[in-house]
């Protein structure tokens, strides 16, 4: 498999994991690997989706703030506005918040429930510590 196709597949998998959906992940990957902004028609051809489906997905991603649209030579073109690392960091921060809320809510339960959730609490706590460590390392860079 071609190196570009492998990277494209991996980007799509990461974004699918974080809830982007197949078409939005495909659009982002196509733009990430393009050396220039693309028209909706070009994107549609590259990802093999209908033009109208592509336009609808582009509008969704624009709404999320991850790509932008601009006029270039009389045509609308699209380009990435959020680096993949920014998207991953945003999703990890959100996941950390969910884990912290989960930990807090488990700790507020009666002993009998806490006992049953002891393993889950330990795993949640480990995940929180790991993500906080990652945040600190990221802040140093």
C-alpha atoms as a PDB file:
ATOM      1  CA  UNK A   1       0.000   0.000   0.000  1.00  0.00           C
ATOM      2  CA  UNK A   2       1.213   3.469  -0.909  1.00  0.00           C
ATOM      3  CA  UNK A   3       2.621   5.502   2.035  1.00  0.00           C
ATOM      4  CA  UNK A   4       0.147   8.344   1.499  1.00  0.00           C
ATOM      5  CA  UNK A   5      -2.785   5.906   1.511  1.00  0.00           C
ATOM      6  CA  UNK A   6      -1.532   4.411   4.793  1.00  0.00           C
ATOM      7  CA  UNK A   7      -1.338   7.862   6.411  1.00  0.00           C
ATOM      8  CA  UNK A   8      -4.773   8.726   5.014  1.00  0.00           C
ATOM      9  CA  UNK A   9      -6.239   5.512   6.433  1.00  0.00           C
ATOM     10  CA  UNK A  10      -4.637   6.171   9.829  1.00  0.00           C
ATOM     11  CA  UNK A  11      -5.900   9.767  10.002  1.00  0.00           C
ATOM     12  CA  UNK A  12      -9.396   8.541   9.161  1.00  0.00           C
ATOM     13  CA  UNK A  13      -9.194   5.878  11.890  1.00  0.00           C
ATOM     14  CA  UNK A  14      -8.127   8.435  14.507  1.00  0.00           C
ATOM     15  CA  UNK A  15     -10.931  10.813  13.564  1.00  0.00           C
ATOM     16  CA  UNK A  16     -13.510   8.016  13.351  1.00  0.00           C
ATOM     17  CA  UNK A  17     -12.497   6.973  16.857  1.00  0.00           C
ATOM     18  CA  UNK A  18     -13.215  10.495  18.087  1.00  0.00           C
ATOM     19  CA  UNK A  19     -16.657  10.547  16.488  1.00  0.00           C
ATOM     20  CA  UNK A  20     -16.073  12.405  13.223  1.00  0.00           C
ATOM     21  CA  UNK A  21     -17.904   9.905  11.066  1.00  0.00           C
ATOM     22  CA  UNK A  22     -16.668   8.295   7.873  1.00  0.00           C
ATOM     23  CA  UNK A  23     -17.226  11.143   5.423  1.00  0.00           C
ATOM     24  CA  UNK A  24     -15.945  13.919   7.703  1.00  0.00           C
ATOM     25  CA  UNK A  25     -12.841  11.839   8.463  1.00  0.00           C
ATOM     26  CA  UNK A  26     -12.309  11.255   4.743  1.00  0.00           C
ATOM     27  CA  UNK A  27     -12.630  14.961   3.961  1.00  0.00           C
ATOM     28  CA  UNK A  28     -10.191  15.950   6.703  1.00  0.00           C
ATOM     29  CA  UNK A  29      -7.668  13.322   5.555  1.00  0.00           C
ATOM     30  CA  UNK A  30      -7.964  14.450   1.922  1.00  0.00           C
ATOM     31  CA  UNK A  31      -7.337  18.078   2.888  1.00  0.00           C
ATOM     32  CA  UNK A  32      -4.522  17.151   5.279  1.00  0.00           C
ATOM     33  CA  UNK A  33      -2.681  15.350   2.508  1.00  0.00           C
ATOM     34  CA  UNK A  34      -3.311  17.925  -0.205  1.00  0.00           C
ATOM     35  CA  UNK A  35      -0.626  20.442  -1.112  1.00  0.00           C
ATOM     36  CA  UNK A  36      -3.272  23.106  -1.741  1.00  0.00           C
ATOM     37  CA  UNK A  37      -6.856  24.005  -0.834  1.00  0.00           C
ATOM     38  CA  UNK A  38      -9.431  21.919  -2.716  1.00  0.00           C
ATOM     39  CA  UNK A  39     -12.852  22.640  -4.195  1.00  0.00           C
ATOM     40  CA  UNK A  40     -15.845  20.613  -3.036  1.00  0.00           C
ATOM     41  CA  UNK A  41     -15.876  18.886  -6.419  1.00  0.00           C
ATOM     42  CA  UNK A  42     -12.217  17.855  -6.050  1.00  0.00           C
ATOM     43  CA  UNK A  43     -12.836  16.614  -2.521  1.00  0.00           C
ATOM     44  CA  UNK A  44     -15.901  14.704  -3.680  1.00  0.00           C
ATOM     45  CA  UNK A  45     -13.862  12.914  -6.356  1.00  0.00           C
ATOM     46  CA  UNK A  46     -10.977  12.132  -3.987  1.00  0.00           C
ATOM     47  CA  UNK A  47     -13.183  10.624  -1.294  1.00  0.00           C
ATOM     48  CA  UNK A  48     -15.660   9.017  -3.701  1.00  0.00           C
ATOM     49  CA  UNK A  49     -18.828  10.531  -2.227  1.00  0.00           C
ATOM     50  CA  UNK A  50     -21.618  12.359  -4.021  1.00  0.00           C
ATOM     51  CA  UNK A  51     -21.091  16.106  -4.391  1.00  0.00           C
ATOM     52  CA  UNK A  52     -24.163  17.068  -2.317  1.00  0.00           C
ATOM     53  CA  UNK A  53     -23.171  14.651   0.449  1.00  0.00           C
ATOM     54  CA  UNK A  54     -19.686  16.167   0.424  1.00  0.00           C
ATOM     55  CA  UNK A  55     -21.067  19.733   0.628  1.00  0.00           C
ATOM     56  CA  UNK A  56     -23.247  18.815   3.623  1.00  0.00           C
ATOM     57  CA  UNK A  57     -20.298  17.213   5.415  1.00  0.00           C
ATOM     58  CA  UNK A  58     -18.050  20.185   4.614  1.00  0.00           C
ATOM     59  CA  UNK A  59     -20.583  22.504   6.238  1.00  0.00           C
ATOM     60  CA  UNK A  60     -20.622  20.279   9.347  1.00  0.00           C
ATOM     61  CA  UNK A  61     -16.831  20.343   9.644  1.00  0.00           C
ATOM     62  CA  UNK A  62     -16.757  24.107   9.074  1.00  0.00           C
ATOM     63  CA  UNK A  63     -19.241  24.406  11.942  1.00  0.00           C
ATOM     64  CA  UNK A  64     -16.858  22.439  14.153  1.00  0.00           C
ATOM     65  CA  UNK A  65     -14.084  24.895  13.279  1.00  0.00           C
ATOM     66  CA  UNK A  66     -11.708  22.331  11.804  1.00  0.00           C
ATOM     67  CA  UNK A  67     -11.726  23.523   8.196  1.00  0.00           C
ATOM     68  CA  UNK A  68     -12.342  26.852   6.506  1.00  0.00           C
ATOM     69  CA  UNK A  69     -13.798  27.972   3.209  1.00  0.00           C
ATOM     70  CA  UNK A  70     -12.448  30.854   1.130  1.00  0.00           C
ATOM     71  CA  UNK A  71     -12.861  32.227  -2.383  1.00  0.00           C
ATOM     72  CA  UNK A  72      -9.955  31.601  -4.714  1.00  0.00           C
ATOM     73  CA  UNK A  73     -10.064  32.394  -8.424  1.00  0.00           C
ATOM     74  CA  UNK A  74     -13.855  32.629  -8.322  1.00  0.00           C
ATOM     75  CA  UNK A  75     -14.354  29.272  -6.594  1.00  0.00           C
ATOM     76  CA  UNK A  76     -14.927  28.181  -3.026  1.00  0.00           C
ATOM     77  CA  UNK A  77     -11.971  26.180  -1.765  1.00  0.00           C
ATOM     78  CA  UNK A  78     -11.498  24.402   1.541  1.00  0.00           C
ATOM     79  CA  UNK A  79      -8.443  24.040   3.750  1.00  0.00           C
ATOM     80  CA  UNK A  80      -7.590  22.730   7.201  1.00  0.00           C
ATOM     81  CA  UNK A  81      -7.864  25.197  10.068  1.00  0.00           C
ATOM     82  CA  UNK A  82      -7.171  22.759  12.940  1.00  0.00           C
ATOM     83  CA  UNK A  83      -4.099  20.591  12.970  1.00  0.00           C
ATOM     84  CA  UNK A  84      -4.767  16.929  13.768  1.00  0.00           C
ATOM     85  CA  UNK A  85      -2.767  17.308  16.984  1.00  0.00           C
ATOM     86  CA  UNK A  86      -5.091  20.135  18.087  1.00  0.00           C
ATOM     87  CA  UNK A  87      -8.133  17.936  17.488  1.00  0.00           C
ATOM     88  CA  UNK A  88      -6.582  15.062  19.449  1.00  0.00           C
ATOM     89  CA  UNK A  89      -5.642  17.365  22.349  1.00  0.00           C
ATOM     90  CA  UNK A  90      -9.169  18.800  22.429  1.00  0.00           C
ATOM     91  CA  UNK A  91     -10.693  15.316  22.517  1.00  0.00           C
ATOM     92  CA  UNK A  92      -8.277  14.119  25.214  1.00  0.00           C
ATOM     93  CA  UNK A  93      -9.048  17.168  27.393  1.00  0.00           C
ATOM     94  CA  UNK A  94     -12.749  16.420  27.047  1.00  0.00           C
ATOM     95  CA  UNK A  95     -12.154  12.745  27.870  1.00  0.00           C
ATOM     96  CA  UNK A  96     -10.151  13.779  30.949  1.00  0.00           C
ATOM     97  CA  UNK A  97     -13.096  15.895  32.139  1.00  0.00           C
ATOM     98  CA  UNK A  98     -15.443  12.924  31.699  1.00  0.00           C
ATOM     99  CA  UNK A  99     -13.068  10.639  33.610  1.00  0.00           C
ATOM    100  CA  UNK A 100     -12.722  13.140  36.462  1.00  0.00           C
ATOM    101  CA  UNK A 101     -16.501  13.477  36.720  1.00  0.00           C
ATOM    102  CA  UNK A 102     -16.839   9.684  36.681  1.00  0.00           C
ATOM    103  CA  UNK A 103     -14.258   9.320  39.449  1.00  0.00           C
ATOM    104  CA  UNK A 104     -15.973  11.994  41.532  1.00  0.00           C
ATOM    105  CA  UNK A 105     -19.405  10.388  41.123  1.00  0.00           C
ATOM    106  CA  UNK A 106     -18.137   6.893  42.032  1.00  0.00           C
ATOM    107  CA  UNK A 107     -16.459   8.249  45.175  1.00  0.00           C
ATOM    108  CA  UNK A 108     -19.790   9.725  46.286  1.00  0.00           C
ATOM    109  CA  UNK A 109     -21.530   6.335  46.248  1.00  0.00           C
ATOM    110  CA  UNK A 110     -22.251   4.167  49.283  1.00  0.00           C
ATOM    111  CA  UNK A 111     -19.559   1.666  50.269  1.00  0.00           C
ATOM    112  CA  UNK A 112     -21.353  -1.317  48.732  1.00  0.00           C
ATOM    113  CA  UNK A 113     -21.455   0.345  45.298  1.00  0.00           C
ATOM    114  CA  UNK A 114     -17.913   1.666  45.579  1.00  0.00           C
ATOM    115  CA  UNK A 115     -16.716  -1.843  46.396  1.00  0.00           C
ATOM    116  CA  UNK A 116     -18.320  -3.209  43.231  1.00  0.00           C
ATOM    117  CA  UNK A 117     -16.753  -0.419  41.189  1.00  0.00           C
ATOM    118  CA  UNK A 118     -13.325  -0.618  42.821  1.00  0.00           C
ATOM    119  CA  UNK A 119     -11.674  -1.994  39.668  1.00  0.00           C
ATOM    120  CA  UNK A 120     -13.300   0.628  37.470  1.00  0.00           C
ATOM    121  CA  UNK A 121     -12.287   3.382  39.880  1.00  0.00           C
ATOM    122  CA  UNK A 122      -8.678   2.200  39.826  1.00  0.00           C
ATOM    123  CA  UNK A 123      -8.640   2.159  36.015  1.00  0.00           C
ATOM    124  CA  UNK A 124     -10.288   5.590  35.809  1.00  0.00           C
ATOM    125  CA  UNK A 125      -7.760   6.989  38.285  1.00  0.00           C
ATOM    126  CA  UNK A 126      -4.846   5.524  36.293  1.00  0.00           C
ATOM    127  CA  UNK A 127      -6.225   7.024  33.074  1.00  0.00           C
ATOM    128  CA  UNK A 128      -6.617  10.431  34.748  1.00  0.00           C
ATOM    129  CA  UNK A 129      -3.030  10.354  36.001  1.00  0.00           C
ATOM    130  CA  UNK A 130      -1.767   9.319  32.560  1.00  0.00           C
ATOM    131  CA  UNK A 131      -3.655  12.106  30.762  1.00  0.00           C
ATOM    132  CA  UNK A 132      -2.511  14.712  33.297  1.00  0.00           C
ATOM    133  CA  UNK A 133       1.074  13.570  32.814  1.00  0.00           C
ATOM    134  CA  UNK A 134       0.638  13.942  29.051  1.00  0.00           C
ATOM    135  CA  UNK A 135      -0.740  17.471  29.535  1.00  0.00           C
ATOM    136  CA  UNK A 136       2.290  18.451  31.631  1.00  0.00           C
ATOM    137  CA  UNK A 137       4.695  17.046  29.043  1.00  0.00           C
ATOM    138  CA  UNK A 138       2.832  18.882  26.283  1.00  0.00           C
ATOM    139  CA  UNK A 139       2.979  22.163  28.217  1.00  0.00           C
ATOM    140  CA  UNK A 140       6.777  21.883  28.461  1.00  0.00           C
ATOM    141  CA  UNK A 141       7.231  21.575  24.686  1.00  0.00           C
END
